[in-house]
C-alpha cells in the first residue's frame, strides 16, 4: 500500500515464485497508485464519479498498453518460453515500475531494450495524484499533453481562445503555469542528479536510470543497477547525495529545495 517495495525475504518477491503473491501485490499496488479521493467517493456512494475520472482512465490505459506491448515483446524475443509466462512477468513489472514500488520477480535488464524503455517511461510517469506513488504523476502528463494540443490549435487559429480542460472542467491558467514550471524544474533537477551520479564514471544507462529511480523513489535502475546489484556500486559520497535526492523527490522538489533559497529565511513575499 505504501509502494515502498520492501520485502521480508532477502531474495525479494522472486524468491516466493508464487503467482498468487504476485497477483495480490499487483492488485494492491494498483489500488495504491489511484487517487485516494476516489475511494472516499466510493464510500459516499458516488461510484459513477470513478468511471468519469480522466486521470484514472488514462492511468489504466497506460498500464494496459504497456502490459500488452511488454507481453508481446517478451514472447516474440523468446525471453520467456510461453505467452502466459510473458504476460505474468509483464503485468507484474509494469505495475511495479508504474506504481514506483520497485518490486521485481526476475532480471528485467535481460529483457529486450524495447521493454526496458517502456519500464523506464513508466518509472518517470508514476501513478495518480494523491496516491502513495512517487515520480511525475499522470495528471501532470495529461495537462502537458493538452497544453501541446492547444499549442497546435493556436498555431492554426492564433486569435482563438482555447482552454485546457480535464473532462468538462477548465483548468485554471495558474494551475497550468505551475505545472509547466514544475516540469521544467523537474527536468533540471533530474539532469543535475544524473550529472552528480556520473562522477562515479559508470555507463550512461546506469547513470541516467539511477537518477530517475532516485527522484521517482522507485529504487530500480538499468545497466549495472539491475536486480543483481544495488546502489552500493556507487561511492559513499554519491550515495549520500542520492539519499538527499530521494527525500527531495518524495516531497516533490519544492518543499525541500525551498529551504535553500534566501526567500524562505528572509520572509520576503
Protein backbone atom coordinates (compact mmCIF):
# COMPACT_ATOMS: atom_id res chain seq x y z
CA UNK A 1 0.00 0.00 0.00
CA UNK A 2 2.88 2.39 0.72
CA UNK A 3 4.52 1.34 -2.60
CA UNK A 4 7.82 1.18 -0.75
CA UNK A 5 8.98 -2.01 -2.47
CA UNK A 6 10.36 -3.65 0.67
CA UNK A 7 10.07 -7.39 1.24
CA UNK A 8 10.84 -9.56 4.26
CA UNK A 9 12.59 -12.17 2.12
CA UNK A 10 16.18 -11.25 1.16
CA UNK A 11 15.51 -12.71 -2.29
CA UNK A 12 12.61 -10.35 -2.86
CA UNK A 13 9.30 -11.37 -4.39
CA UNK A 14 11.10 -13.63 -6.88
CA UNK A 15 12.07 -15.95 -4.03
CA UNK A 16 8.43 -16.91 -3.43
CA UNK A 17 7.82 -17.88 -7.07
CA UNK A 18 4.09 -17.62 -6.36
CA UNK A 19 1.56 -16.38 -8.88
CA UNK A 20 -0.87 -15.79 -6.00
CA UNK A 21 1.54 -13.49 -4.14
CA UNK A 22 2.41 -11.65 -7.34
CA UNK A 23 -1.30 -11.15 -8.10
CA UNK A 24 -2.01 -9.73 -4.65
CA UNK A 25 0.94 -7.32 -4.90
CA UNK A 26 -0.06 -6.29 -8.42
CA UNK A 27 -3.66 -5.60 -7.34
CA UNK A 28 -2.87 -3.58 -4.25
CA UNK A 29 0.00 -1.61 -5.76
CA UNK A 30 -2.50 -0.64 -8.46
CA UNK A 31 -5.04 0.46 -5.85
CA UNK A 32 -2.31 2.39 -4.02
CA UNK A 33 -1.50 4.15 -7.31
CA UNK A 34 -5.04 5.51 -7.62
CA UNK A 35 -6.09 8.91 -6.27
CA UNK A 36 -7.24 8.18 -2.71
CA UNK A 37 -10.04 10.73 -3.02
CA UNK A 38 -11.75 8.28 -5.37
CA UNK A 39 -12.01 5.76 -2.53
CA UNK A 40 -13.74 8.44 -0.48
CA UNK A 41 -16.16 8.93 -3.38
CA UNK A 42 -16.90 5.20 -3.30
CA UNK A 43 -17.70 5.38 0.42
CA UNK A 44 -20.13 8.19 -0.35
CA UNK A 45 -21.82 6.08 -2.99
CA UNK A 46 -20.59 8.19 -5.92
CA UNK A 47 -19.34 5.23 -7.91
CA UNK A 48 -20.09 6.82 -11.28
CA UNK A 49 -17.56 9.55 -10.48
CA UNK A 50 -14.76 6.98 -10.65
CA UNK A 51 -15.54 5.98 -14.22
CA UNK A 52 -15.60 9.63 -15.27
CA UNK A 53 -12.21 10.42 -13.74
CA UNK A 54 -9.87 11.33 -16.61
CA UNK A 55 -6.68 10.61 -14.70
CA UNK A 56 -7.77 7.13 -13.64
CA UNK A 57 -8.88 6.19 -17.15
CA UNK A 58 -5.61 7.46 -18.57
CA UNK A 59 -3.62 5.58 -15.95
CA UNK A 60 -5.46 2.33 -16.70
CA UNK A 61 -4.88 2.93 -20.40
CA UNK A 62 -1.15 3.42 -19.87
CA UNK A 63 -0.92 0.25 -17.78
CA UNK A 64 -2.89 -1.78 -20.32
CA UNK A 65 -0.89 -0.62 -23.35
CA UNK A 66 2.44 -1.17 -21.54
CA UNK A 67 1.31 -4.63 -20.41
CA UNK A 68 0.30 -5.69 -23.92
CA UNK A 69 3.44 -4.32 -25.58
CA UNK A 70 5.74 -5.90 -22.99
CA UNK A 71 3.95 -9.25 -23.22
CA UNK A 72 4.29 -9.35 -26.99
CA UNK A 73 7.92 -8.21 -26.91
CA UNK A 74 8.91 -10.76 -24.25
CA UNK A 75 7.22 -13.63 -26.07
CA UNK A 76 8.45 -12.62 -29.53
CA UNK A 77 12.03 -12.25 -28.32
CA UNK A 78 11.99 -15.65 -26.62
CA UNK A 79 12.77 -14.14 -23.21
CA UNK A 80 10.10 -16.40 -21.71
CA UNK A 81 9.09 -19.82 -23.08
CA UNK A 82 5.36 -19.15 -23.28
CA UNK A 83 2.90 -16.30 -23.73
CA UNK A 84 1.44 -16.97 -20.28
CA UNK A 85 4.86 -16.61 -18.63
CA UNK A 86 5.49 -13.44 -20.62
CA UNK A 87 2.16 -11.97 -19.51
CA UNK A 88 2.83 -12.91 -15.89
CA UNK A 89 6.19 -11.14 -15.85
CA UNK A 90 4.88 -8.24 -17.92
CA UNK A 91 1.94 -7.27 -15.71
CA UNK A 92 3.95 -7.55 -12.51
CA UNK A 93 6.93 -5.46 -13.67
CA UNK A 94 4.68 -2.99 -15.47
CA UNK A 95 2.77 -2.35 -12.27
CA UNK A 96 5.92 -2.33 -10.13
CA UNK A 97 7.54 0.38 -12.23
CA UNK A 98 4.37 2.40 -12.75
CA UNK A 99 3.46 2.38 -9.06
CA UNK A 100 7.13 3.16 -8.21
CA UNK A 101 7.02 0.28 -5.71
CA UNK A 102 10.23 -1.16 -7.14
CA UNK A 103 9.46 -4.86 -6.84
CA UNK A 104 10.90 -7.38 -9.27
CA UNK A 105 10.44 -11.08 -9.99
CA UNK A 106 13.26 -11.50 -12.46
CA UNK A 107 16.19 -9.79 -14.11
CA UNK A 108 14.40 -7.21 -16.24
CA UNK A 109 17.77 -5.97 -17.54
CA UNK A 110 17.78 -9.11 -19.72
CA UNK A 111 14.52 -8.01 -21.34
CA UNK A 112 14.54 -6.50 -24.85
CA UNK A 113 15.59 -2.85 -24.97
CA UNK A 114 12.07 -2.02 -26.19
CA UNK A 115 10.57 -3.40 -22.96
CA UNK A 116 13.21 -1.74 -20.79
CA UNK A 117 12.41 1.59 -22.43
CA UNK A 118 8.73 1.14 -21.63
CA UNK A 119 9.56 0.39 -18.00
CA UNK A 120 11.79 3.47 -17.86
CA UNK A 121 8.95 5.65 -19.17
CA UNK A 122 6.55 4.17 -16.61
CA UNK A 123 9.04 4.94 -13.86
CA UNK A 124 9.14 8.59 -14.96
CA UNK A 125 5.35 8.97 -15.24
CA UNK A 126 4.40 7.22 -12.00
CA UNK A 127 0.84 6.89 -10.70
CA UNK A 128 -2.04 9.24 -9.97
CA UNK A 129 -2.01 12.37 -7.84
CA UNK A 130 -2.97 11.97 -4.16
CA UNK A 131 -1.67 8.39 -4.14
CA UNK A 132 1.33 6.81 -2.45
CA UNK A 133 3.29 6.81 -5.72
CA UNK A 134 6.29 8.95 -6.38
CA UNK A 135 7.51 10.44 -9.66
CA UNK A 136 5.84 12.92 -12.01
CA UNK A 137 2.16 11.84 -11.79
CA UNK A 138 -0.30 11.07 -14.57
CA UNK A 139 -2.40 14.21 -14.15
CA UNK A 140 0.57 16.43 -14.99
CA UNK A 141 1.26 14.38 -18.12
CA UNK A 142 -2.38 14.82 -19.19
CA UNK A 143 -2.30 18.58 -18.72
CA UNK A 144 1.01 18.91 -20.55
CA UNK A 145 -0.33 16.84 -23.43
CA UNK A 146 -3.45 19.02 -23.62
CA UNK A 147 -1.21 22.09 -23.49
CA UNK A 148 0.66 20.80 -26.54
CA UNK A 149 -2.64 20.17 -28.36
CA UNK A 150 -3.70 23.73 -27.53
CA UNK A 151 -0.42 24.92 -28.99
CA UNK A 152 -1.24 23.22 -32.31
CA UNK A 153 -4.68 24.82 -32.37
CA UNK A 154 -3.24 28.23 -31.58
CA UNK A 155 -0.84 27.84 -34.49
CA UNK A 156 -3.77 27.25 -36.84
CA UNK A 157 -6.00 29.90 -35.24
CA UNK A 158 -3.76 32.45 -33.47
CA UNK A 159 -6.64 34.63 -32.29
CA UNK A 160 -8.71 31.81 -30.84
CA UNK A 161 -9.23 31.29 -27.11
CA UNK A 162 -8.63 27.63 -26.26
CA UNK A 163 -8.86 26.47 -22.65
CA UNK A 164 -7.12 23.44 -21.20
CA UNK A 165 -9.83 21.08 -19.98
CA UNK A 166 -9.88 17.96 -17.84
CA UNK A 167 -13.20 16.34 -18.61
CA UNK A 168 -15.76 19.15 -18.57
CA UNK A 169 -13.73 21.31 -16.21
CA UNK A 170 -11.46 24.13 -17.31
CA UNK A 171 -8.01 24.02 -15.71
CA UNK A 172 -7.15 27.48 -14.31
CA UNK A 173 -4.30 29.30 -16.02
CA UNK A 174 -2.38 29.47 -12.72
CA UNK A 175 -2.54 25.70 -12.39
CA UNK A 176 -1.32 25.17 -15.95
CA UNK A 177 1.50 27.66 -15.35
CA UNK A 178 2.56 25.96 -12.10
CA UNK A 179 2.61 22.53 -13.77
CA UNK A 180 4.70 23.90 -16.64
CA UNK A 181 7.21 25.43 -14.22
CA UNK A 182 7.27 22.21 -12.17
CA UNK A 183 8.02 20.24 -15.34
CA UNK A 184 10.98 22.42 -16.23
CA UNK A 185 12.21 22.30 -12.66
CA UNK A 186 11.83 18.50 -12.54
CA UNK A 187 13.83 18.09 -15.75
CA UNK A 188 16.53 20.44 -14.45
CA UNK A 189 16.82 18.59 -11.13
CA UNK A 190 16.91 15.26 -12.99
CA UNK A 191 19.84 16.32 -15.15
CA UNK A 192 21.70 17.76 -12.15
CA UNK A 193 21.14 14.47 -10.31
CA UNK A 194 22.38 12.49 -13.31
CA UNK A 195 25.42 14.75 -13.56
CA UNK A 196 26.38 14.10 -9.94
CA UNK A 197 25.77 10.36 -10.35
CA UNK A 198 28.08 10.38 -13.37
CA UNK A 199 31.03 11.28 -11.12
CA UNK A 200 31.44 7.56 -10.40
CA UNK A 201 32.13 7.05 -14.13
CA UNK A 202 29.60 4.27 -14.66
CA UNK A 203 27.94 3.74 -18.03
CA UNK A 204 25.26 6.11 -19.34
CA UNK A 205 22.37 3.65 -18.92
CA UNK A 206 23.21 3.03 -15.27
CA UNK A 207 23.70 6.71 -14.51
CA UNK A 208 20.54 8.05 -16.17
CA UNK A 209 18.30 5.27 -14.87
CA UNK A 210 19.74 5.66 -11.36
CA UNK A 211 18.84 9.35 -11.38
CA UNK A 212 15.30 8.51 -12.50
CA UNK A 213 14.99 5.77 -9.88
CA UNK A 214 16.11 8.17 -7.15
CA UNK A 215 13.75 11.05 -7.98
CA UNK A 216 10.80 8.73 -8.59
CA UNK A 217 11.57 6.73 -5.42
CA UNK A 218 11.31 3.53 -7.47
CA UNK A 219 14.77 2.45 -6.39
CA UNK A 220 15.30 0.45 -9.57
CA UNK A 221 17.61 1.06 -12.48
CA UNK A 222 19.06 -0.47 -15.61
CA UNK A 223 22.54 -1.35 -16.80
CA UNK A 224 24.69 -2.29 -13.83
CA UNK A 225 21.93 -1.24 -11.44
CA UNK A 226 19.73 -4.27 -12.07
CA UNK A 227 18.33 -6.81 -9.59
CA UNK A 228 21.76 -8.43 -9.27
CA UNK A 229 23.25 -5.20 -7.85
CA UNK A 230 22.22 -2.26 -5.69
CA UNK A 231 23.20 1.35 -5.07
CA UNK A 232 26.26 0.00 -3.24
CA UNK A 233 28.02 0.18 -6.62
CA UNK A 234 28.19 3.95 -6.12
CA UNK A 235 30.73 5.72 -3.92
CA UNK A 236 29.79 6.83 -0.37
CA UNK A 237 29.58 10.50 -1.36
CA UNK A 238 27.25 9.79 -4.29
CA UNK A 239 25.11 7.52 -2.09
CA UNK A 240 24.78 10.33 0.45
CA UNK A 241 23.70 12.67 -2.32
CA UNK A 242 21.25 10.02 -3.54
CA UNK A 243 19.72 9.78 -0.07
CA UNK A 244 19.09 13.52 -0.06
CA UNK A 245 17.61 13.49 -3.56
CA UNK A 246 15.25 10.65 -2.63
CA UNK A 247 13.78 12.93 0.04
CA UNK A 248 13.59 15.77 -2.50
CA UNK A 249 11.80 13.51 -4.99
CA UNK A 250 9.41 12.14 -2.38
CA UNK A 251 8.34 15.65 -1.34
CA UNK A 252 8.08 16.80 -4.98
CA UNK A 253 11.14 19.05 -5.10
CA UNK A 254 9.85 22.41 -3.89
CA UNK A 255 9.22 21.50 -0.24
CA UNK A 256 12.86 20.69 0.48
CA UNK A 257 14.67 22.88 -2.06
CA UNK A 258 12.82 25.99 -0.83
CA UNK A 259 14.85 25.65 2.36
CA UNK A 260 17.95 26.56 0.34
CA UNK A 261 16.56 29.82 -1.04
CA UNK A 262 17.07 33.21 0.65
CA UNK A 263 13.34 33.97 0.30
CA UNK A 264 12.44 31.27 2.82
CA UNK A 265 14.72 32.68 5.50
CA UNK A 266 14.22 36.41 4.93
CA UNK A 267 10.43 36.19 4.87
CA UNK A 268 10.10 38.09 1.59
CA UNK A 269 6.76 37.77 -0.20
